[in-house]
Amino acid sequence: MGDRSPKSVQKQASQKQSKSDVSNQKKQSLIASQQATKAKAAAAKKK
């Protein structure tokens, strides 16, 4: 069985949070780059 001490539980929770923060950061940067690409394409069409 795993360690269920409060310190262990806290550590696992913070690791899980950190992992989700990293994935959210990657999603946000991907969205931002896609929006920038769309904006450049729209600007090119206007010319």
PDB file of N, CA and C in Angstrom:
ATOM      1  N   MET A   1       0.832  -1.186   0.000  1.00  0.00           N
ATOM      2  CA  MET A   1       0.000   0.000   0.000  1.00  0.00           C
ATOM      3  C   MET A   1       0.881   1.256   0.000  1.00  0.00           C
ATOM      4  N   GLY A   2       0.337   2.316  -0.527  1.00  0.00           N
ATOM      5  CA  GLY A   2       1.090   3.551  -0.595  1.00  0.00           C
ATOM      6  C   GLY A   2       1.090   4.297   0.725  1.00  0.00           C
ATOM      7  N   ASP A   3       1.994   5.251   0.812  1.00  0.00           N
ATOM      8  CA  ASP A   3       2.094   6.082   1.998  1.00  0.00           C
ATOM      9  C   ASP A   3       0.933   7.083   2.002  1.00  0.00           C
ATOM     10  N   ARG A   4       0.171   7.106   3.073  1.00  0.00           N
ATOM     11  CA  ARG A   4      -0.990   8.001   3.147  1.00  0.00           C
ATOM     12  C   ARG A   4      -0.793   9.106   4.169  1.00  0.00           C
ATOM     13  N   SER A   5       0.472   9.417   4.489  1.00  0.00           N
ATOM     14  CA  SER A   5       0.718  10.497   5.435  1.00  0.00           C
ATOM     15  C   SER A   5       0.318  11.819   4.783  1.00  0.00           C
ATOM     16  N   PRO A   6      -0.044  12.807   5.606  1.00  0.00           N
ATOM     17  CA  PRO A   6      -0.441  14.110   5.030  1.00  0.00           C
ATOM     18  C   PRO A   6       0.616  14.710   4.118  1.00  0.00           C
ATOM     19  N   LYS A   7       1.884  14.532   4.477  1.00  0.00           N
ATOM     20  CA  LYS A   7       2.967  15.073   3.652  1.00  0.00           C
ATOM     21  C   LYS A   7       2.988  14.402   2.281  1.00  0.00           C
ATOM     22  N   SER A   8       2.793  13.086   2.263  1.00  0.00           N
ATOM     23  CA  SER A   8       2.796  12.342   1.007  1.00  0.00           C
ATOM     24  C   SER A   8       1.625  12.754   0.124  1.00  0.00           C
ATOM     25  N   VAL A   9       0.460  12.883   0.737  1.00  0.00           N
ATOM     26  CA  VAL A   9      -0.736  13.270  -0.010  1.00  0.00           C
ATOM     27  C   VAL A   9      -0.557  14.666  -0.598  1.00  0.00           C
ATOM     28  N   GLN A  10       0.007  15.579   0.198  1.00  0.00           N
ATOM     29  CA  GLN A  10       0.256  16.952  -0.265  1.00  0.00           C
ATOM     30  C   GLN A  10       1.232  16.955  -1.440  1.00  0.00           C
ATOM     31  N   LYS A  11       2.271  16.147  -1.337  1.00  0.00           N
ATOM     32  CA  LYS A  11       3.277  16.080  -2.395  1.00  0.00           C
ATOM     33  C   LYS A  11       2.661  15.566  -3.692  1.00  0.00           C
ATOM     34  N   GLN A  12       1.854  14.518  -3.605  1.00  0.00           N
ATOM     35  CA  GLN A  12       1.214  13.969  -4.799  1.00  0.00           C
ATOM     36  C   GLN A  12       0.266  14.985  -5.425  1.00  0.00           C
ATOM     37  N   ALA A  13      -0.475  15.706  -4.578  1.00  0.00           N
ATOM     38  CA  ALA A  13      -1.416  16.698  -5.092  1.00  0.00           C
ATOM     39  C   ALA A  13      -0.675  17.820  -5.810  1.00  0.00           C
ATOM     40  N   SER A  14       0.444  18.255  -5.238  1.00  0.00           N
ATOM     41  CA  SER A  14       1.184  19.353  -5.876  1.00  0.00           C
ATOM     42  C   SER A  14       1.823  18.890  -7.183  1.00  0.00           C
ATOM     43  N   GLN A  15       2.265  17.628  -7.236  1.00  0.00           N
ATOM     44  CA  GLN A  15       2.834  17.115  -8.483  1.00  0.00           C
ATOM     45  C   GLN A  15       1.766  17.031  -9.566  1.00  0.00           C
ATOM     46  N   LYS A  16       0.569  16.605  -9.176  1.00  0.00           N
ATOM     47  CA  LYS A  16      -0.527  16.495 -10.132  1.00  0.00           C
ATOM     48  C   LYS A  16      -0.908  17.877 -10.653  1.00  0.00           C
ATOM     49  N   GLN A  17      -0.954  18.864  -9.744  1.00  0.00           N
ATOM     50  CA  GLN A  17      -1.276  20.238 -10.121  1.00  0.00           C
ATOM     51  C   GLN A  17      -0.224  20.787 -11.072  1.00  0.00           C
ATOM     52  N   SER A  18       1.027  20.529 -10.772  1.00  0.00           N
ATOM     53  CA  SER A  18       2.129  21.009 -11.604  1.00  0.00           C
ATOM     54  C   SER A  18       2.029  20.427 -13.003  1.00  0.00           C
ATOM     55  N   LYS A  19       1.710  19.145 -13.082  1.00  0.00           N
ATOM     56  CA  LYS A  19       1.597  18.472 -14.374  1.00  0.00           C
ATOM     57  C   LYS A  19       0.462  19.073 -15.200  1.00  0.00           C
ATOM     58  N   SER A  20      -0.669  19.356 -14.551  1.00  0.00           N
ATOM     59  CA  SER A  20      -1.794  19.931 -15.291  1.00  0.00           C
ATOM     60  C   SER A  20      -1.489  21.371 -15.692  1.00  0.00           C
ATOM     61  N   ASP A  21      -0.743  22.100 -14.854  1.00  0.00           N
ATOM     62  CA  ASP A  21      -0.355  23.464 -15.212  1.00  0.00           C
ATOM     63  C   ASP A  21       0.510  23.470 -16.466  1.00  0.00           C
ATOM     64  N   VAL A  22       1.414  22.518 -16.564  1.00  0.00           N
ATOM     65  CA  VAL A  22       2.301  22.431 -17.734  1.00  0.00           C
ATOM     66  C   VAL A  22       1.481  22.133 -18.987  1.00  0.00           C
ATOM     67  N   SER A  23       0.524  21.210 -18.888  1.00  0.00           N
ATOM     68  CA  SER A  23      -0.275  20.878 -20.064  1.00  0.00           C
ATOM     69  C   SER A  23      -1.168  22.055 -20.460  1.00  0.00           C
ATOM     70  N   ASN A  24      -1.693  22.780 -19.476  1.00  0.00           N
ATOM     71  CA  ASN A  24      -2.503  23.956 -19.797  1.00  0.00           C
ATOM     72  C   ASN A  24      -1.654  25.029 -20.468  1.00  0.00           C
ATOM     73  N   GLN A  25      -0.426  25.182 -20.012  1.00  0.00           N
ATOM     74  CA  GLN A  25       0.482  26.165 -20.612  1.00  0.00           C
ATOM     75  C   GLN A  25       0.741  25.813 -22.081  1.00  0.00           C
ATOM     76  N   LYS A  26       0.956  24.523 -22.353  1.00  0.00           N
ATOM     77  CA  LYS A  26       1.202  24.089 -23.728  1.00  0.00           C
ATOM     78  C   LYS A  26      -0.018  24.351 -24.599  1.00  0.00           C
ATOM     79  N   LYS A  27      -1.213  24.073 -24.068  1.00  0.00           N
ATOM     80  CA  LYS A  27      -2.440  24.318 -24.832  1.00  0.00           C
ATOM     81  C   LYS A  27      -2.594  25.798 -25.139  1.00  0.00           C
ATOM     82  N   GLN A  28      -2.331  26.643 -24.143  1.00  0.00           N
ATOM     83  CA  GLN A  28      -2.478  28.088 -24.339  1.00  0.00           C
ATOM     84  C   GLN A  28      -1.496  28.606 -25.386  1.00  0.00           C
ATOM     85  N   SER A  29      -0.251  28.118 -25.352  1.00  0.00           N
ATOM     86  CA  SER A  29       0.728  28.589 -26.330  1.00  0.00           C
ATOM     87  C   SER A  29       0.366  28.101 -27.729  1.00  0.00           C
ATOM     88  N   LEU A  30      -0.193  26.904 -27.825  1.00  0.00           N
ATOM     89  CA  LEU A  30      -0.628  26.381 -29.118  1.00  0.00           C
ATOM     90  C   LEU A  30      -1.766  27.233 -29.676  1.00  0.00           C
ATOM     91  N   ILE A  31      -2.725  27.556 -28.828  1.00  0.00           N
ATOM     92  CA  ILE A  31      -3.855  28.392 -29.252  1.00  0.00           C
ATOM     93  C   ILE A  31      -3.355  29.761 -29.701  1.00  0.00           C
ATOM     94  N   ALA A  32      -2.444  30.336 -28.933  1.00  0.00           N
ATOM     95  CA  ALA A  32      -1.905  31.657 -29.270  1.00  0.00           C
ATOM     96  C   ALA A  32      -1.189  31.623 -30.617  1.00  0.00           C
ATOM     97  N   SER A  33      -0.424  30.581 -30.868  1.00  0.00           N
ATOM     98  CA  SER A  33       0.293  30.503 -32.140  1.00  0.00           C
ATOM     99  C   SER A  33      -0.674  30.306 -33.306  1.00  0.00           C
ATOM    100  N   GLN A  34      -1.743  29.544 -33.067  1.00  0.00           N
ATOM    101  CA  GLN A  34      -2.748  29.358 -34.114  1.00  0.00           C
ATOM    102  C   GLN A  34      -3.458  30.669 -34.421  1.00  0.00           C
ATOM    103  N   GLN A  35      -3.762  31.441 -33.379  1.00  0.00           N
ATOM    104  CA  GLN A  35      -4.427  32.728 -33.584  1.00  0.00           C
ATOM    105  C   GLN A  35      -3.517  33.688 -34.336  1.00  0.00           C
ATOM    106  N   ALA A  36      -2.224  33.660 -34.008  1.00  0.00           N
ATOM    107  CA  ALA A  36      -1.273  34.537 -34.693  1.00  0.00           C
ATOM    108  C   ALA A  36      -1.187  34.167 -36.171  1.00  0.00           C
ATOM    109  N   THR A  37      -1.202  32.877 -36.455  1.00  0.00           N
ATOM    110  CA  THR A  37      -1.142  32.418 -37.840  1.00  0.00           C
ATOM    111  C   THR A  37      -2.384  32.871 -38.609  1.00  0.00           C
ATOM    112  N   LYS A  38      -3.550  32.754 -37.966  1.00  0.00           N
ATOM    113  CA  LYS A  38      -4.793  33.193 -38.609  1.00  0.00           C
ATOM    114  C   LYS A  38      -4.781  34.690 -38.855  1.00  0.00           C
ATOM    115  N   ALA A  39      -4.255  35.448 -37.901  1.00  0.00           N
ATOM    116  CA  ALA A  39      -4.198  36.899 -38.051  1.00  0.00           C
ATOM    117  C   ALA A  39      -3.282  37.290 -39.202  1.00  0.00           C
ATOM    118  N   LYS A  40      -2.155  36.591 -39.325  1.00  0.00           N
ATOM    119  CA  LYS A  40      -1.237  36.879 -40.438  1.00  0.00           C
ATOM    120  C   LYS A  40      -1.889  36.551 -41.773  1.00  0.00           C
ATOM    121  N   ALA A  41      -2.620  35.454 -41.817  1.00  0.00           N
ATOM    122  CA  ALA A  41      -3.291  35.080 -43.058  1.00  0.00           C
ATOM    123  C   ALA A  41      -4.359  36.095 -43.432  1.00  0.00           C
ATOM    124  N   ALA A  42      -5.100  36.565 -42.439  1.00  0.00           N
ATOM    125  CA  ALA A  42      -6.133  37.561 -42.691  1.00  0.00           C
ATOM    126  C   ALA A  42      -5.515  38.876 -43.173  1.00  0.00           C
ATOM    127  N   ALA A  43      -4.390  39.263 -42.591  1.00  0.00           N
ATOM    128  CA  ALA A  43      -3.711  40.487 -43.002  1.00  0.00           C
ATOM    129  C   ALA A  43      -3.185  40.347 -44.430  1.00  0.00           C
ATOM    130  N   ALA A  44      -2.702  39.174 -44.756  1.00  0.00           N
ATOM    131  CA  ALA A  44      -2.183  38.947 -46.105  1.00  0.00           C
ATOM    132  C   ALA A  44      -3.318  39.009 -47.130  1.00  0.00           C
ATOM    133  N   LYS A  45      -4.498  38.522 -46.763  1.00  0.00           N
ATOM    134  CA  LYS A  45      -5.634  38.568 -47.681  1.00  0.00           C
ATOM    135  C   LYS A  45      -6.104  39.999 -47.938  1.00  0.00           C
ATOM    136  N   LYS A  46      -6.001  40.841 -46.915  1.00  0.00           N
ATOM    137  CA  LYS A  46      -6.441  42.243 -47.052  1.00  0.00           C
ATOM    138  C   LYS A  46      -5.588  43.004 -48.044  1.00  0.00           C
ATOM    139  N   LYS A  47      -4.309  42.623 -48.146  1.00  0.00           N
ATOM    140  CA  LYS A  47      -3.393  43.366 -49.034  1.00  0.00           C
ATOM    141  C   LYS A  47      -3.688  43.122 -50.442  1.00  0.00           C
TER     142      LYS A  47
END
